[in-house]
Amino acid sequence: MTLADAIRYPESVDLQGTREIKRIKARVEGERLPQGADPRRHLKLGPGTLSDVEWLVQLLQLQHAYAVPGLRTTSTLGALDAAVAADLVPEEDAVRLREAWLLSSRLRSAITLLTGQTSDVLPADRRQLDAIGRLLGYPDRSASELEEDYLGVTRRARRTFEQLFYG
């Protein structure tokens, strides 16, 4: 474990390594989305969704887990909490990131429950959105409300991500 920890949690990460991680993230955003998919509706790879939160947390882990044992976890949200406790991420930023991560996760699960298939894309079909909303506790006929909530939450999370990740 000591040997693995020295590699997993290096004492320092050079500036070139950090730049390369940021470059790869930017490249992944452009190349991993399925052709023709609306990036704003992609729950995993879209702006302000799961991928943004996970990349940010993993970069913080790489940079600071050597000195912050709370970051040594596979839990994205647990590591985000540890980053707040260590004053690496402001609490209000963590709230926005957590909200986006949780909503994206819940939407993926609701889509699977509704369709019986795993999907990373928020449907545009109003009836499907309404059914997904009901699974998440929204009232009847709230497709637009669900969609607006999702787009707003992810837009705010993306701004936070860009500020913290890219600087």
Protein backbone atom coordinates (compact mmCIF):
# COMPACT_ATOMS: atom_id res chain seq x y z
CA MET A 1 0.00 0.00 0.00
CA THR A 2 2.85 2.37 0.77
CA LEU A 3 4.32 1.82 -2.69
CA ALA A 4 0.93 2.28 -4.36
CA ASP A 5 0.19 5.39 -2.30
CA ALA A 6 3.43 7.02 -3.47
CA ILE A 7 2.19 6.67 -7.06
CA ARG A 8 -1.51 7.38 -6.44
CA TYR A 9 -0.84 10.35 -4.19
CA PRO A 10 2.39 11.97 -5.38
CA GLU A 11 3.98 14.61 -3.19
CA SER A 12 3.81 17.06 -6.07
CA VAL A 13 2.45 17.22 -9.59
CA ASP A 14 4.44 19.21 -12.10
CA LEU A 15 2.88 22.05 -14.04
CA GLN A 16 3.35 20.19 -17.33
CA GLY A 17 1.41 17.18 -15.99
CA THR A 18 -1.44 19.43 -14.87
CA ARG A 19 -1.53 21.15 -18.26
CA GLU A 20 -1.66 17.77 -19.98
CA ILE A 21 -4.61 16.64 -17.83
CA LYS A 22 -6.49 19.83 -18.72
CA ARG A 23 -5.67 19.38 -22.41
CA ILE A 24 -6.92 15.80 -22.34
CA LYS A 25 -10.17 16.87 -20.64
CA ALA A 26 -10.77 19.49 -23.34
CA ARG A 27 -10.06 16.91 -26.04
CA VAL A 28 -12.37 14.32 -24.44
CA GLU A 29 -15.20 16.85 -24.47
CA GLY A 30 -14.88 17.22 -28.22
CA GLU A 31 -14.32 13.59 -29.12
CA ARG A 32 -16.31 11.39 -26.75
CA LEU A 33 -19.81 12.72 -27.36
CA PRO A 34 -21.82 10.53 -29.73
CA GLN A 35 -22.16 12.07 -33.18
CA GLY A 36 -25.21 14.31 -33.41
CA ALA A 37 -25.83 14.35 -29.64
CA ASP A 38 -26.74 17.68 -28.03
CA PRO A 39 -23.93 18.17 -25.49
CA ARG A 40 -26.26 20.07 -23.12
CA ARG A 41 -28.49 16.97 -22.82
CA HIS A 42 -25.69 14.45 -22.26
CA LEU A 43 -25.82 13.47 -18.59
CA LYS A 44 -22.32 12.01 -18.45
CA LEU A 45 -20.20 14.06 -20.85
CA GLY A 46 -22.18 17.29 -21.20
CA PRO A 47 -21.12 20.60 -19.70
CA GLY A 48 -21.64 20.72 -15.94
CA THR A 49 -22.53 17.05 -15.59
CA LEU A 50 -20.91 13.94 -14.13
CA SER A 51 -17.69 14.12 -16.11
CA ASP A 52 -16.91 17.71 -15.13
CA VAL A 53 -17.36 17.02 -11.43
CA GLU A 54 -15.38 13.77 -11.58
CA TRP A 55 -12.46 15.30 -13.54
CA LEU A 56 -12.25 18.20 -11.10
CA VAL A 57 -12.33 15.93 -8.06
CA GLN A 58 -9.73 13.59 -9.54
CA LEU A 59 -7.42 16.50 -10.33
CA LEU A 60 -7.75 17.71 -6.74
CA GLN A 61 -7.00 14.20 -5.54
CA LEU A 62 -3.90 14.01 -7.69
CA GLN A 63 -2.71 17.42 -6.54
CA HIS A 64 -3.57 17.26 -2.83
CA ALA A 65 -4.30 13.71 -1.58
CA TYR A 66 -0.69 13.39 -0.46
CA ALA A 67 -1.38 15.98 2.23
CA VAL A 68 -5.17 15.55 2.63
CA PRO A 69 -6.05 11.97 3.59
CA GLY A 70 -9.79 12.67 3.19
CA LEU A 71 -9.23 12.92 -0.55
CA ARG A 72 -8.06 9.30 -0.68
CA THR A 73 -11.42 7.86 -1.59
CA THR A 74 -13.21 6.49 -4.62
CA SER A 75 -16.32 8.47 -3.67
CA THR A 76 -16.64 11.56 -5.84
CA LEU A 77 -18.90 13.33 -3.38
CA GLY A 78 -16.84 12.17 -0.39
CA ALA A 79 -13.73 13.62 -2.01
CA LEU A 80 -15.60 16.83 -2.80
CA ASP A 81 -16.54 17.12 0.88
CA ALA A 82 -12.91 16.55 1.84
CA ALA A 83 -11.84 19.27 -0.62
CA VAL A 84 -14.23 21.71 1.07
CA ALA A 85 -12.98 20.71 4.53
CA ALA A 86 -9.39 21.32 3.37
CA ASP A 87 -10.33 24.74 1.92
CA LEU A 88 -9.51 23.61 -1.62
CA VAL A 89 -13.04 24.27 -2.89
CA PRO A 90 -15.38 26.96 -1.54
CA GLU A 91 -18.55 25.54 0.01
CA GLU A 92 -20.87 27.38 -2.39
CA ASP A 93 -18.97 25.95 -5.37
CA ALA A 94 -19.19 22.46 -3.92
CA VAL A 95 -22.96 22.88 -3.48
CA ARG A 96 -23.36 23.68 -7.21
CA LEU A 97 -21.13 20.77 -8.25
CA ARG A 98 -22.85 18.31 -5.90
CA GLU A 99 -26.30 19.38 -7.12
CA ALA A 100 -25.31 18.81 -10.77
CA TRP A 101 -23.68 15.45 -10.03
CA LEU A 102 -26.68 14.23 -8.04
CA LEU A 103 -29.28 15.45 -10.55
CA SER A 104 -27.39 13.92 -13.49
CA SER A 105 -27.08 10.63 -11.59
CA ARG A 106 -30.74 10.62 -10.60
CA LEU A 107 -31.81 11.38 -14.17
CA ARG A 108 -29.72 8.49 -15.52
CA SER A 109 -31.33 6.15 -12.99
CA ALA A 110 -34.84 7.41 -13.75
CA ILE A 111 -34.30 6.94 -17.49
CA THR A 112 -33.18 3.36 -16.84
CA LEU A 113 -36.23 2.70 -14.65
CA LEU A 114 -38.56 4.17 -17.26
CA THR A 115 -37.12 2.56 -20.38
CA GLY A 116 -35.35 -0.52 -19.05
CA GLN A 117 -32.23 0.67 -20.87
CA THR A 118 -29.23 2.67 -19.75
CA SER A 119 -28.99 6.06 -21.45
CA ASP A 120 -26.80 9.08 -20.89
CA VAL A 121 -29.01 11.44 -22.88
CA LEU A 122 -31.87 13.44 -21.41
CA PRO A 123 -34.75 12.81 -23.82
CA ALA A 124 -36.40 15.70 -25.64
CA ASP A 125 -39.76 13.89 -25.81
CA ARG A 126 -42.14 15.74 -23.46
CA ARG A 127 -44.02 12.59 -22.38
CA GLN A 128 -40.78 10.84 -21.45
CA LEU A 129 -39.54 13.93 -19.61
CA ASP A 130 -42.80 14.13 -17.70
CA ALA A 131 -42.56 10.46 -16.71
CA ILE A 132 -38.92 10.92 -15.63
CA GLY A 133 -39.96 13.97 -13.63
CA ARG A 134 -42.64 12.00 -11.83
CA LEU A 135 -40.06 9.35 -10.93
CA LEU A 136 -37.98 12.15 -9.40
CA GLY A 137 -40.91 13.59 -7.45
CA TYR A 138 -42.00 16.37 -9.80
CA PRO A 139 -45.75 16.89 -10.21
CA ASP A 140 -47.65 15.82 -13.33
CA ARG A 141 -46.89 17.77 -16.50
CA SER A 142 -43.56 19.17 -15.34
CA ALA A 143 -41.43 18.22 -18.32
CA SER A 144 -40.50 21.86 -18.90
CA GLU A 145 -39.74 22.44 -15.22
CA LEU A 146 -37.50 19.37 -15.08
CA GLU A 147 -35.70 20.41 -18.25
CA GLU A 148 -35.21 23.98 -17.01
CA ASP A 149 -33.96 22.74 -13.63
CA TYR A 150 -31.45 20.42 -15.30
CA LEU A 151 -30.18 23.02 -17.77
CA GLY A 152 -29.86 25.66 -15.05
CA VAL A 153 -28.09 23.37 -12.58
CA THR A 154 -25.62 22.14 -15.18
CA ARG A 155 -24.98 25.65 -16.55
CA ARG A 156 -24.06 26.90 -13.06
CA ALA A 157 -21.95 23.79 -12.38
CA ARG A 158 -20.07 24.25 -15.66
CA ARG A 159 -19.14 27.84 -14.78
CA THR A 160 -17.90 26.63 -11.41
CA PHE A 161 -16.00 23.74 -12.99
CA GLU A 162 -14.28 25.99 -15.54
CA GLN A 163 -13.20 28.42 -12.84
CA LEU A 164 -11.80 25.69 -10.57
CA PHE A 165 -10.39 23.36 -13.21
CA TYR A 166 -9.04 25.70 -15.86
CA GLY A 167 -8.47 28.71 -13.60
